[in-house]
């Protein structure tokens, strides 16, 4: 009699009933299908090459060599560097280019960082708004 009771016992059913999930999925699908045509796509206006308002200004380059001497030039074609004193640097830059022209500083690797910062401070005090550092990305790293 014990064996009959064991046969009649029910085993646990570990299956998941997915029918309600399928119903919810179909309702959501219908909602998205109905609302998708009602959404208006946004307009994106991409810039074109021919609409540039003005030509960018040629930057002025300030070069600091290993001995700390300064030289200035316009960064175009074959312009040569002109030596300049530290005290006359802002006046030379203003005489060389437009007031809102960018200024880039290129310094030798042996020049102390403090010297470069003093030049940057001097140019900022003189009213140079667009100031940057010129980096040689092709230079070999020093050990």
Protein backbone atom coordinates (compact mmCIF):
# COMPACT_ATOMS: atom_id res chain seq x y z
CA UNK A 1 0.00 0.00 0.00
CA UNK A 2 2.90 2.29 0.63
CA UNK A 3 4.03 2.02 -2.95
CA UNK A 4 0.63 3.11 -4.23
CA UNK A 5 0.76 6.25 -2.08
CA UNK A 6 4.22 7.08 -3.34
CA UNK A 7 3.09 6.72 -6.93
CA UNK A 8 0.11 8.95 -6.40
CA UNK A 9 2.09 11.75 -4.79
CA UNK A 10 2.56 14.72 -6.99
CA UNK A 11 5.95 16.01 -7.87
CA UNK A 12 6.75 19.70 -7.70
CA UNK A 13 6.39 21.46 -11.01
CA UNK A 14 9.30 23.88 -11.62
CA UNK A 15 8.05 25.29 -14.91
CA UNK A 16 7.34 28.99 -15.35
CA UNK A 17 4.02 29.97 -16.82
CA UNK A 18 4.98 32.46 -19.58
CA UNK A 19 1.50 33.10 -20.95
CA UNK A 20 0.95 36.28 -18.85
CA UNK A 21 4.34 37.62 -19.95
CA UNK A 22 3.49 37.06 -23.60
CA UNK A 23 0.19 38.92 -23.09
CA UNK A 24 1.96 41.91 -21.55
CA UNK A 25 4.55 41.90 -24.33
CA UNK A 26 1.89 41.93 -27.03
CA UNK A 27 0.02 44.80 -25.35
CA UNK A 28 3.25 46.83 -25.17
CA UNK A 29 4.00 46.04 -28.81
CA UNK A 30 0.59 47.33 -29.88
CA UNK A 31 1.07 50.51 -27.80
CA UNK A 32 4.46 51.21 -29.40
CA UNK A 33 3.15 50.49 -32.89
CA UNK A 34 0.30 52.96 -32.40
CA UNK A 35 2.38 55.75 -30.80
CA UNK A 36 5.50 55.54 -33.02
CA UNK A 37 3.96 57.29 -36.06
CA UNK A 38 2.75 60.13 -33.83
CA UNK A 39 6.25 61.11 -32.70
CA UNK A 40 7.72 63.85 -34.89
CA UNK A 41 11.44 63.43 -35.61
CA UNK A 42 13.70 66.31 -34.62
CA UNK A 43 15.44 68.41 -37.22
CA UNK A 44 19.23 68.45 -37.03
CA UNK A 45 20.98 71.22 -38.91
CA UNK A 46 24.52 70.13 -39.68
CA UNK A 47 27.13 72.77 -40.49
CA UNK A 48 28.52 72.91 -44.00
CA UNK A 49 32.00 73.79 -45.12
CA UNK A 50 30.97 76.81 -47.19
CA UNK A 51 29.22 78.63 -44.34
CA UNK A 52 32.28 79.62 -42.29
CA UNK A 53 31.78 83.26 -41.34
CA UNK A 54 35.43 84.28 -41.20
CA UNK A 55 38.87 82.87 -41.78
CA UNK A 56 40.70 82.00 -38.54
CA UNK A 57 43.46 84.38 -37.57
CA UNK A 58 47.11 83.40 -37.97
CA UNK A 59 48.59 82.75 -34.52
CA UNK A 60 51.68 84.47 -33.18
CA UNK A 61 54.38 82.11 -31.94
CA UNK A 62 56.64 83.00 -29.02
CA UNK A 63 59.72 80.80 -28.91
CA UNK A 64 61.85 80.32 -25.79
CA UNK A 65 65.19 78.63 -26.45
CA UNK A 66 67.32 76.66 -23.98
CA UNK A 67 69.15 79.83 -22.82
CA UNK A 68 65.86 81.63 -22.12
CA UNK A 69 66.05 84.00 -25.12
CA UNK A 70 62.74 85.02 -26.68
CA UNK A 71 61.83 85.24 -30.36
CA UNK A 72 58.51 86.09 -32.05
CA UNK A 73 57.00 85.32 -35.47
CA UNK A 74 53.68 84.95 -37.24
CA UNK A 75 52.96 81.25 -37.76
CA UNK A 76 52.60 81.32 -41.50
CA UNK A 77 54.56 80.02 -44.45
CA UNK A 78 58.16 81.16 -44.20
CA UNK A 79 58.05 83.85 -41.51
CA UNK A 80 61.32 84.10 -39.60
CA UNK A 81 61.72 84.53 -35.86
CA UNK A 82 62.69 88.00 -34.60
CA UNK A 83 64.55 88.23 -31.28
CA UNK A 84 62.77 90.29 -28.64
CA UNK A 85 63.37 91.36 -25.04
CA UNK A 86 61.11 90.08 -22.29
CA UNK A 87 60.02 93.63 -21.41
CA UNK A 88 59.05 94.42 -25.03
CA UNK A 89 57.23 91.14 -25.69
CA UNK A 90 53.61 92.40 -25.35
CA UNK A 91 54.32 95.44 -27.53
CA UNK A 92 55.94 93.26 -30.23
CA UNK A 93 52.97 90.89 -30.27
CA UNK A 94 50.48 93.76 -30.53
CA UNK A 95 52.49 95.29 -33.39
CA UNK A 96 52.76 91.95 -35.19
CA UNK A 97 49.13 90.81 -35.23
CA UNK A 98 45.50 91.70 -34.56
CA UNK A 99 44.44 92.24 -30.94
CA UNK A 100 42.37 89.05 -30.79
CA UNK A 101 44.95 86.85 -32.58
CA UNK A 102 45.88 83.66 -30.72
CA UNK A 103 49.36 83.42 -29.21
CA UNK A 104 51.17 80.10 -28.79
CA UNK A 105 54.30 79.56 -26.72
CA UNK A 106 56.89 76.99 -27.80
CA UNK A 107 59.65 76.36 -25.30
CA UNK A 108 62.70 74.16 -25.40
CA UNK A 109 62.59 71.12 -23.12
CA UNK A 110 65.43 72.55 -21.01
CA UNK A 111 63.51 75.73 -20.16
CA UNK A 112 62.19 75.70 -16.59
CA UNK A 113 58.42 75.56 -16.25
CA UNK A 114 58.57 78.69 -14.11
CA UNK A 115 59.96 80.72 -17.02
CA UNK A 116 57.12 79.65 -19.29
CA UNK A 117 54.57 80.55 -16.60
CA UNK A 118 56.11 84.03 -16.17
CA UNK A 119 55.78 84.65 -19.92
CA UNK A 120 52.16 83.45 -19.86
CA UNK A 121 51.38 85.74 -16.91
CA UNK A 122 53.02 88.69 -18.67
CA UNK A 123 50.96 88.11 -21.81
CA UNK A 124 47.70 87.68 -19.84
CA UNK A 125 48.39 90.93 -17.99
CA UNK A 126 48.95 92.64 -21.36
CA UNK A 127 45.46 91.60 -22.49
CA UNK A 128 46.16 88.51 -24.61
CA UNK A 129 42.94 86.50 -24.33
CA UNK A 130 43.76 83.51 -26.55
CA UNK A 131 46.93 81.89 -25.25
CA UNK A 132 48.16 78.33 -25.72
CA UNK A 133 51.18 76.05 -25.55
CA UNK A 134 52.74 74.50 -28.64
CA UNK A 135 53.62 70.83 -28.19
CA UNK A 136 55.91 68.71 -30.34
CA UNK A 137 54.12 65.37 -30.40
CA UNK A 138 56.76 63.69 -32.54
CA UNK A 139 59.57 64.26 -30.04
CA UNK A 140 61.11 61.20 -28.41
CA UNK A 141 60.43 60.82 -24.70
CA UNK A 142 63.48 61.49 -22.56
CA UNK A 143 64.40 58.97 -19.84
